[in-house]
């Protein structure tokens, strides 16, 4: 899927806590901080979306290896996680991306955040909130 993002397709959302440009495509939600909203960022974010499916196994493997994840979801494995994960909200902050899974089927109470660097070059952190 060659994802070409255009500035005019985004909606600007400003609150007292953040100013982000938001866009939804193919079930993914993408949020880019106002100060990072450049043409270069749109190209990078398009590549990030394009490479998601290709890197899903890497993301799931990181979940399985995470002590936090294992503690919260001890009965989950690679196959069950893939079926339950759903599509993330992708939040871009400078050089980092956070994939936030709000509609996963692992449980009903928690958000799953996966912090990545680059184009899935490294998974830096997995946290479970809620």
C-alpha atoms as a PDB file:
ATOM      1  CA  UNK A   1       0.000   0.000   0.000  1.00  0.00           C
ATOM      2  CA  UNK A   2       1.984   3.075  -1.047  1.00  0.00           C
ATOM      3  CA  UNK A   3       0.636   5.505   1.515  1.00  0.00           C
ATOM      4  CA  UNK A   4       0.947   9.083   0.336  1.00  0.00           C
ATOM      5  CA  UNK A   5      -0.137  11.510   3.020  1.00  0.00           C
ATOM      6  CA  UNK A   6      -1.250  15.055   2.202  1.00  0.00           C
ATOM      7  CA  UNK A   7      -1.384  17.929   4.670  1.00  0.00           C
ATOM      8  CA  UNK A   8      -4.894  18.887   3.609  1.00  0.00           C
ATOM      9  CA  UNK A   9      -6.239  15.452   4.630  1.00  0.00           C
ATOM     10  CA  UNK A  10      -5.384  16.026   8.302  1.00  0.00           C
ATOM     11  CA  UNK A  11      -7.568  17.649  10.938  1.00  0.00           C
ATOM     12  CA  UNK A  12      -5.925  19.988  13.434  1.00  0.00           C
ATOM     13  CA  UNK A  13      -6.914  19.353  17.046  1.00  0.00           C
ATOM     14  CA  UNK A  14      -5.721  21.719  19.753  1.00  0.00           C
ATOM     15  CA  UNK A  15      -6.363  21.249  23.467  1.00  0.00           C
ATOM     16  CA  UNK A  16      -4.732  22.814  26.501  1.00  0.00           C
ATOM     17  CA  UNK A  17      -2.428  19.760  26.625  1.00  0.00           C
ATOM     18  CA  UNK A  18      -1.491  19.165  23.003  1.00  0.00           C
ATOM     19  CA  UNK A  19      -1.710  20.371  19.425  1.00  0.00           C
ATOM     20  CA  UNK A  20      -1.806  17.553  16.898  1.00  0.00           C
ATOM     21  CA  UNK A  21      -2.753  16.871  13.337  1.00  0.00           C
ATOM     22  CA  UNK A  22      -4.925  13.773  13.023  1.00  0.00           C
ATOM     23  CA  UNK A  23      -5.741  11.493  10.123  1.00  0.00           C
ATOM     24  CA  UNK A  24      -7.416   8.100   9.737  1.00  0.00           C
ATOM     25  CA  UNK A  25      -6.581   5.683   6.933  1.00  0.00           C
ATOM     26  CA  UNK A  26      -7.376   1.990   6.476  1.00  0.00           C
ATOM     27  CA  UNK A  27      -8.310   1.583  10.141  1.00  0.00           C
ATOM     28  CA  UNK A  28      -5.157   3.307  11.401  1.00  0.00           C
ATOM     29  CA  UNK A  29      -5.263   6.595  13.257  1.00  0.00           C
ATOM     30  CA  UNK A  30      -2.235   8.831  12.898  1.00  0.00           C
ATOM     31  CA  UNK A  31      -1.406  11.767  15.184  1.00  0.00           C
ATOM     32  CA  UNK A  32       1.506  14.111  14.425  1.00  0.00           C
ATOM     33  CA  UNK A  33       2.539  16.847  16.847  1.00  0.00           C
ATOM     34  CA  UNK A  34       2.054  20.352  15.449  1.00  0.00           C
ATOM     35  CA  UNK A  35       5.761  21.242  15.576  1.00  0.00           C
ATOM     36  CA  UNK A  36       6.665  18.075  13.645  1.00  0.00           C
ATOM     37  CA  UNK A  37       4.038  18.477  10.916  1.00  0.00           C
ATOM     38  CA  UNK A  38       6.278  18.841   7.847  1.00  0.00           C
ATOM     39  CA  UNK A  39       6.415  17.316   4.366  1.00  0.00           C
ATOM     40  CA  UNK A  40       9.359  15.150   5.502  1.00  0.00           C
ATOM     41  CA  UNK A  41       7.297  13.895   8.443  1.00  0.00           C
ATOM     42  CA  UNK A  42       4.399  13.021   6.140  1.00  0.00           C
ATOM     43  CA  UNK A  43       6.724  10.962   3.932  1.00  0.00           C
ATOM     44  CA  UNK A  44       8.184   9.192   6.980  1.00  0.00           C
ATOM     45  CA  UNK A  45       4.731   8.547   8.502  1.00  0.00           C
ATOM     46  CA  UNK A  46       3.525   7.134   5.175  1.00  0.00           C
ATOM     47  CA  UNK A  47       6.442   4.686   5.194  1.00  0.00           C
ATOM     48  CA  UNK A  48       5.662   3.808   8.820  1.00  0.00           C
ATOM     49  CA  UNK A  49       2.103   2.919   7.809  1.00  0.00           C
ATOM     50  CA  UNK A  50       3.276   1.000   4.741  1.00  0.00           C
ATOM     51  CA  UNK A  51       5.698  -1.111   6.801  1.00  0.00           C
ATOM     52  CA  UNK A  52       3.331  -1.895   9.672  1.00  0.00           C
ATOM     53  CA  UNK A  53       2.056  -5.258   8.369  1.00  0.00           C
ATOM     54  CA  UNK A  54       5.578  -6.319   7.451  1.00  0.00           C
ATOM     55  CA  UNK A  55       6.759  -5.562  11.008  1.00  0.00           C
ATOM     56  CA  UNK A  56       3.770  -6.912  12.920  1.00  0.00           C
ATOM     57  CA  UNK A  57       5.633 -10.141  13.743  1.00  0.00           C
ATOM     58  CA  UNK A  58       8.481  -8.076  15.227  1.00  0.00           C
ATOM     59  CA  UNK A  59       5.987  -6.138  17.347  1.00  0.00           C
ATOM     60  CA  UNK A  60       4.284  -9.306  18.566  1.00  0.00           C
ATOM     61  CA  UNK A  61       7.650 -10.961  19.354  1.00  0.00           C
ATOM     62  CA  UNK A  62       8.570  -7.950  21.475  1.00  0.00           C
ATOM     63  CA  UNK A  63       5.269  -8.311  23.364  1.00  0.00           C
ATOM     64  CA  UNK A  64       5.920 -11.993  24.059  1.00  0.00           C
ATOM     65  CA  UNK A  65       9.410 -11.181  25.392  1.00  0.00           C
ATOM     66  CA  UNK A  66       8.301  -8.218  27.511  1.00  0.00           C
ATOM     67  CA  UNK A  67       8.170  -8.925  31.255  1.00  0.00           C
ATOM     68  CA  UNK A  68       5.388  -6.364  31.645  1.00  0.00           C
ATOM     69  CA  UNK A  69       3.324  -8.007  28.923  1.00  0.00           C
ATOM     70  CA  UNK A  70       3.940 -11.505  30.291  1.00  0.00           C
ATOM     71  CA  UNK A  71       2.880 -10.365  33.755  1.00  0.00           C
ATOM     72  CA  UNK A  72      -0.409  -8.876  32.516  1.00  0.00           C
ATOM     73  CA  UNK A  73      -1.183 -11.484  29.870  1.00  0.00           C
ATOM     74  CA  UNK A  74       0.537 -14.752  30.903  1.00  0.00           C
ATOM     75  CA  UNK A  75      -1.673 -16.964  28.736  1.00  0.00           C
ATOM     76  CA  UNK A  76      -1.102 -15.099  25.469  1.00  0.00           C
ATOM     77  CA  UNK A  77       1.189 -16.330  22.708  1.00  0.00           C
ATOM     78  CA  UNK A  78       2.273 -15.164  19.256  1.00  0.00           C
ATOM     79  CA  UNK A  79      -0.837 -16.522  17.549  1.00  0.00           C
ATOM     80  CA  UNK A  80      -3.387 -15.257  20.063  1.00  0.00           C
ATOM     81  CA  UNK A  81      -1.806 -11.798  20.211  1.00  0.00           C
ATOM     82  CA  UNK A  82      -1.965 -11.429  16.432  1.00  0.00           C
ATOM     83  CA  UNK A  83      -5.683 -12.220  16.479  1.00  0.00           C
ATOM     84  CA  UNK A  84      -6.430  -9.830  19.362  1.00  0.00           C
ATOM     85  CA  UNK A  85      -4.216  -6.794  18.716  1.00  0.00           C
ATOM     86  CA  UNK A  86      -6.296  -4.727  16.291  1.00  0.00           C
ATOM     87  CA  UNK A  87      -5.100  -1.506  14.644  1.00  0.00           C
ATOM     88  CA  UNK A  88      -3.126   1.075  16.594  1.00  0.00           C
ATOM     89  CA  UNK A  89      -3.231   4.803  16.944  1.00  0.00           C
ATOM     90  CA  UNK A  90       0.204   5.904  15.744  1.00  0.00           C
ATOM     91  CA  UNK A  91       1.526   8.955  17.562  1.00  0.00           C
ATOM     92  CA  UNK A  92       4.628  10.689  16.224  1.00  0.00           C
ATOM     93  CA  UNK A  93       6.945  12.661  18.525  1.00  0.00           C
ATOM     94  CA  UNK A  94      10.164  13.793  16.891  1.00  0.00           C
ATOM     95  CA  UNK A  95      12.210  10.624  16.220  1.00  0.00           C
ATOM     96  CA  UNK A  96       9.904   8.323  18.158  1.00  0.00           C
ATOM     97  CA  UNK A  97       6.597   6.676  17.423  1.00  0.00           C
ATOM     98  CA  UNK A  98       4.174   5.213  19.909  1.00  0.00           C
ATOM     99  CA  UNK A  99       1.711   2.592  18.759  1.00  0.00           C
ATOM    100  CA  UNK A 100      -1.284   2.718  21.106  1.00  0.00           C
ATOM    101  CA  UNK A 101      -3.719  -0.163  20.967  1.00  0.00           C
ATOM    102  CA  UNK A 102      -7.031   0.964  22.442  1.00  0.00           C
ATOM    103  CA  UNK A 103      -9.308  -1.549  20.746  1.00  0.00           C
ATOM    104  CA  UNK A 104      -7.358  -4.740  21.384  1.00  0.00           C
ATOM    105  CA  UNK A 105      -9.120  -7.851  22.667  1.00  0.00           C
ATOM    106  CA  UNK A 106      -6.534  -8.848  25.290  1.00  0.00           C
ATOM    107  CA  UNK A 107      -8.755  -7.326  27.995  1.00  0.00           C
ATOM    108  CA  UNK A 108     -11.227  -4.488  28.352  1.00  0.00           C
ATOM    109  CA  UNK A 109      -9.385  -2.295  30.845  1.00  0.00           C
ATOM    110  CA  UNK A 110      -5.928  -1.471  29.523  1.00  0.00           C
ATOM    111  CA  UNK A 111      -4.168   0.457  26.789  1.00  0.00           C
ATOM    112  CA  UNK A 112      -1.117  -1.119  25.230  1.00  0.00           C
ATOM    113  CA  UNK A 113       1.665   1.308  24.212  1.00  0.00           C
ATOM    114  CA  UNK A 114       4.615   0.203  22.120  1.00  0.00           C
ATOM    115  CA  UNK A 115       7.388   2.759  21.650  1.00  0.00           C
ATOM    116  CA  UNK A 116       9.462   2.325  18.504  1.00  0.00           C
ATOM    117  CA  UNK A 117      12.402   4.073  16.931  1.00  0.00           C
ATOM    118  CA  UNK A 118      12.746   4.735  13.235  1.00  0.00           C
ATOM    119  CA  UNK A 119      10.916   2.545  10.754  1.00  0.00           C
ATOM    120  CA  UNK A 120      10.523  -0.278  13.271  1.00  0.00           C
ATOM    121  CA  UNK A 121      14.318  -0.336  13.687  1.00  0.00           C
ATOM    122  CA  UNK A 122      14.043  -0.930  17.414  1.00  0.00           C
ATOM    123  CA  UNK A 123      11.228  -1.506  19.867  1.00  0.00           C
ATOM    124  CA  UNK A 124      12.195   0.588  22.872  1.00  0.00           C
ATOM    125  CA  UNK A 125       9.435  -0.028  25.394  1.00  0.00           C
ATOM    126  CA  UNK A 126       6.154  -1.808  25.967  1.00  0.00           C
ATOM    127  CA  UNK A 127       3.814  -0.417  28.595  1.00  0.00           C
ATOM    128  CA  UNK A 128       0.336  -1.262  29.727  1.00  0.00           C
ATOM    129  CA  UNK A 129      -1.805   1.532  31.128  1.00  0.00           C
ATOM    130  CA  UNK A 130      -5.120   1.440  32.909  1.00  0.00           C
END
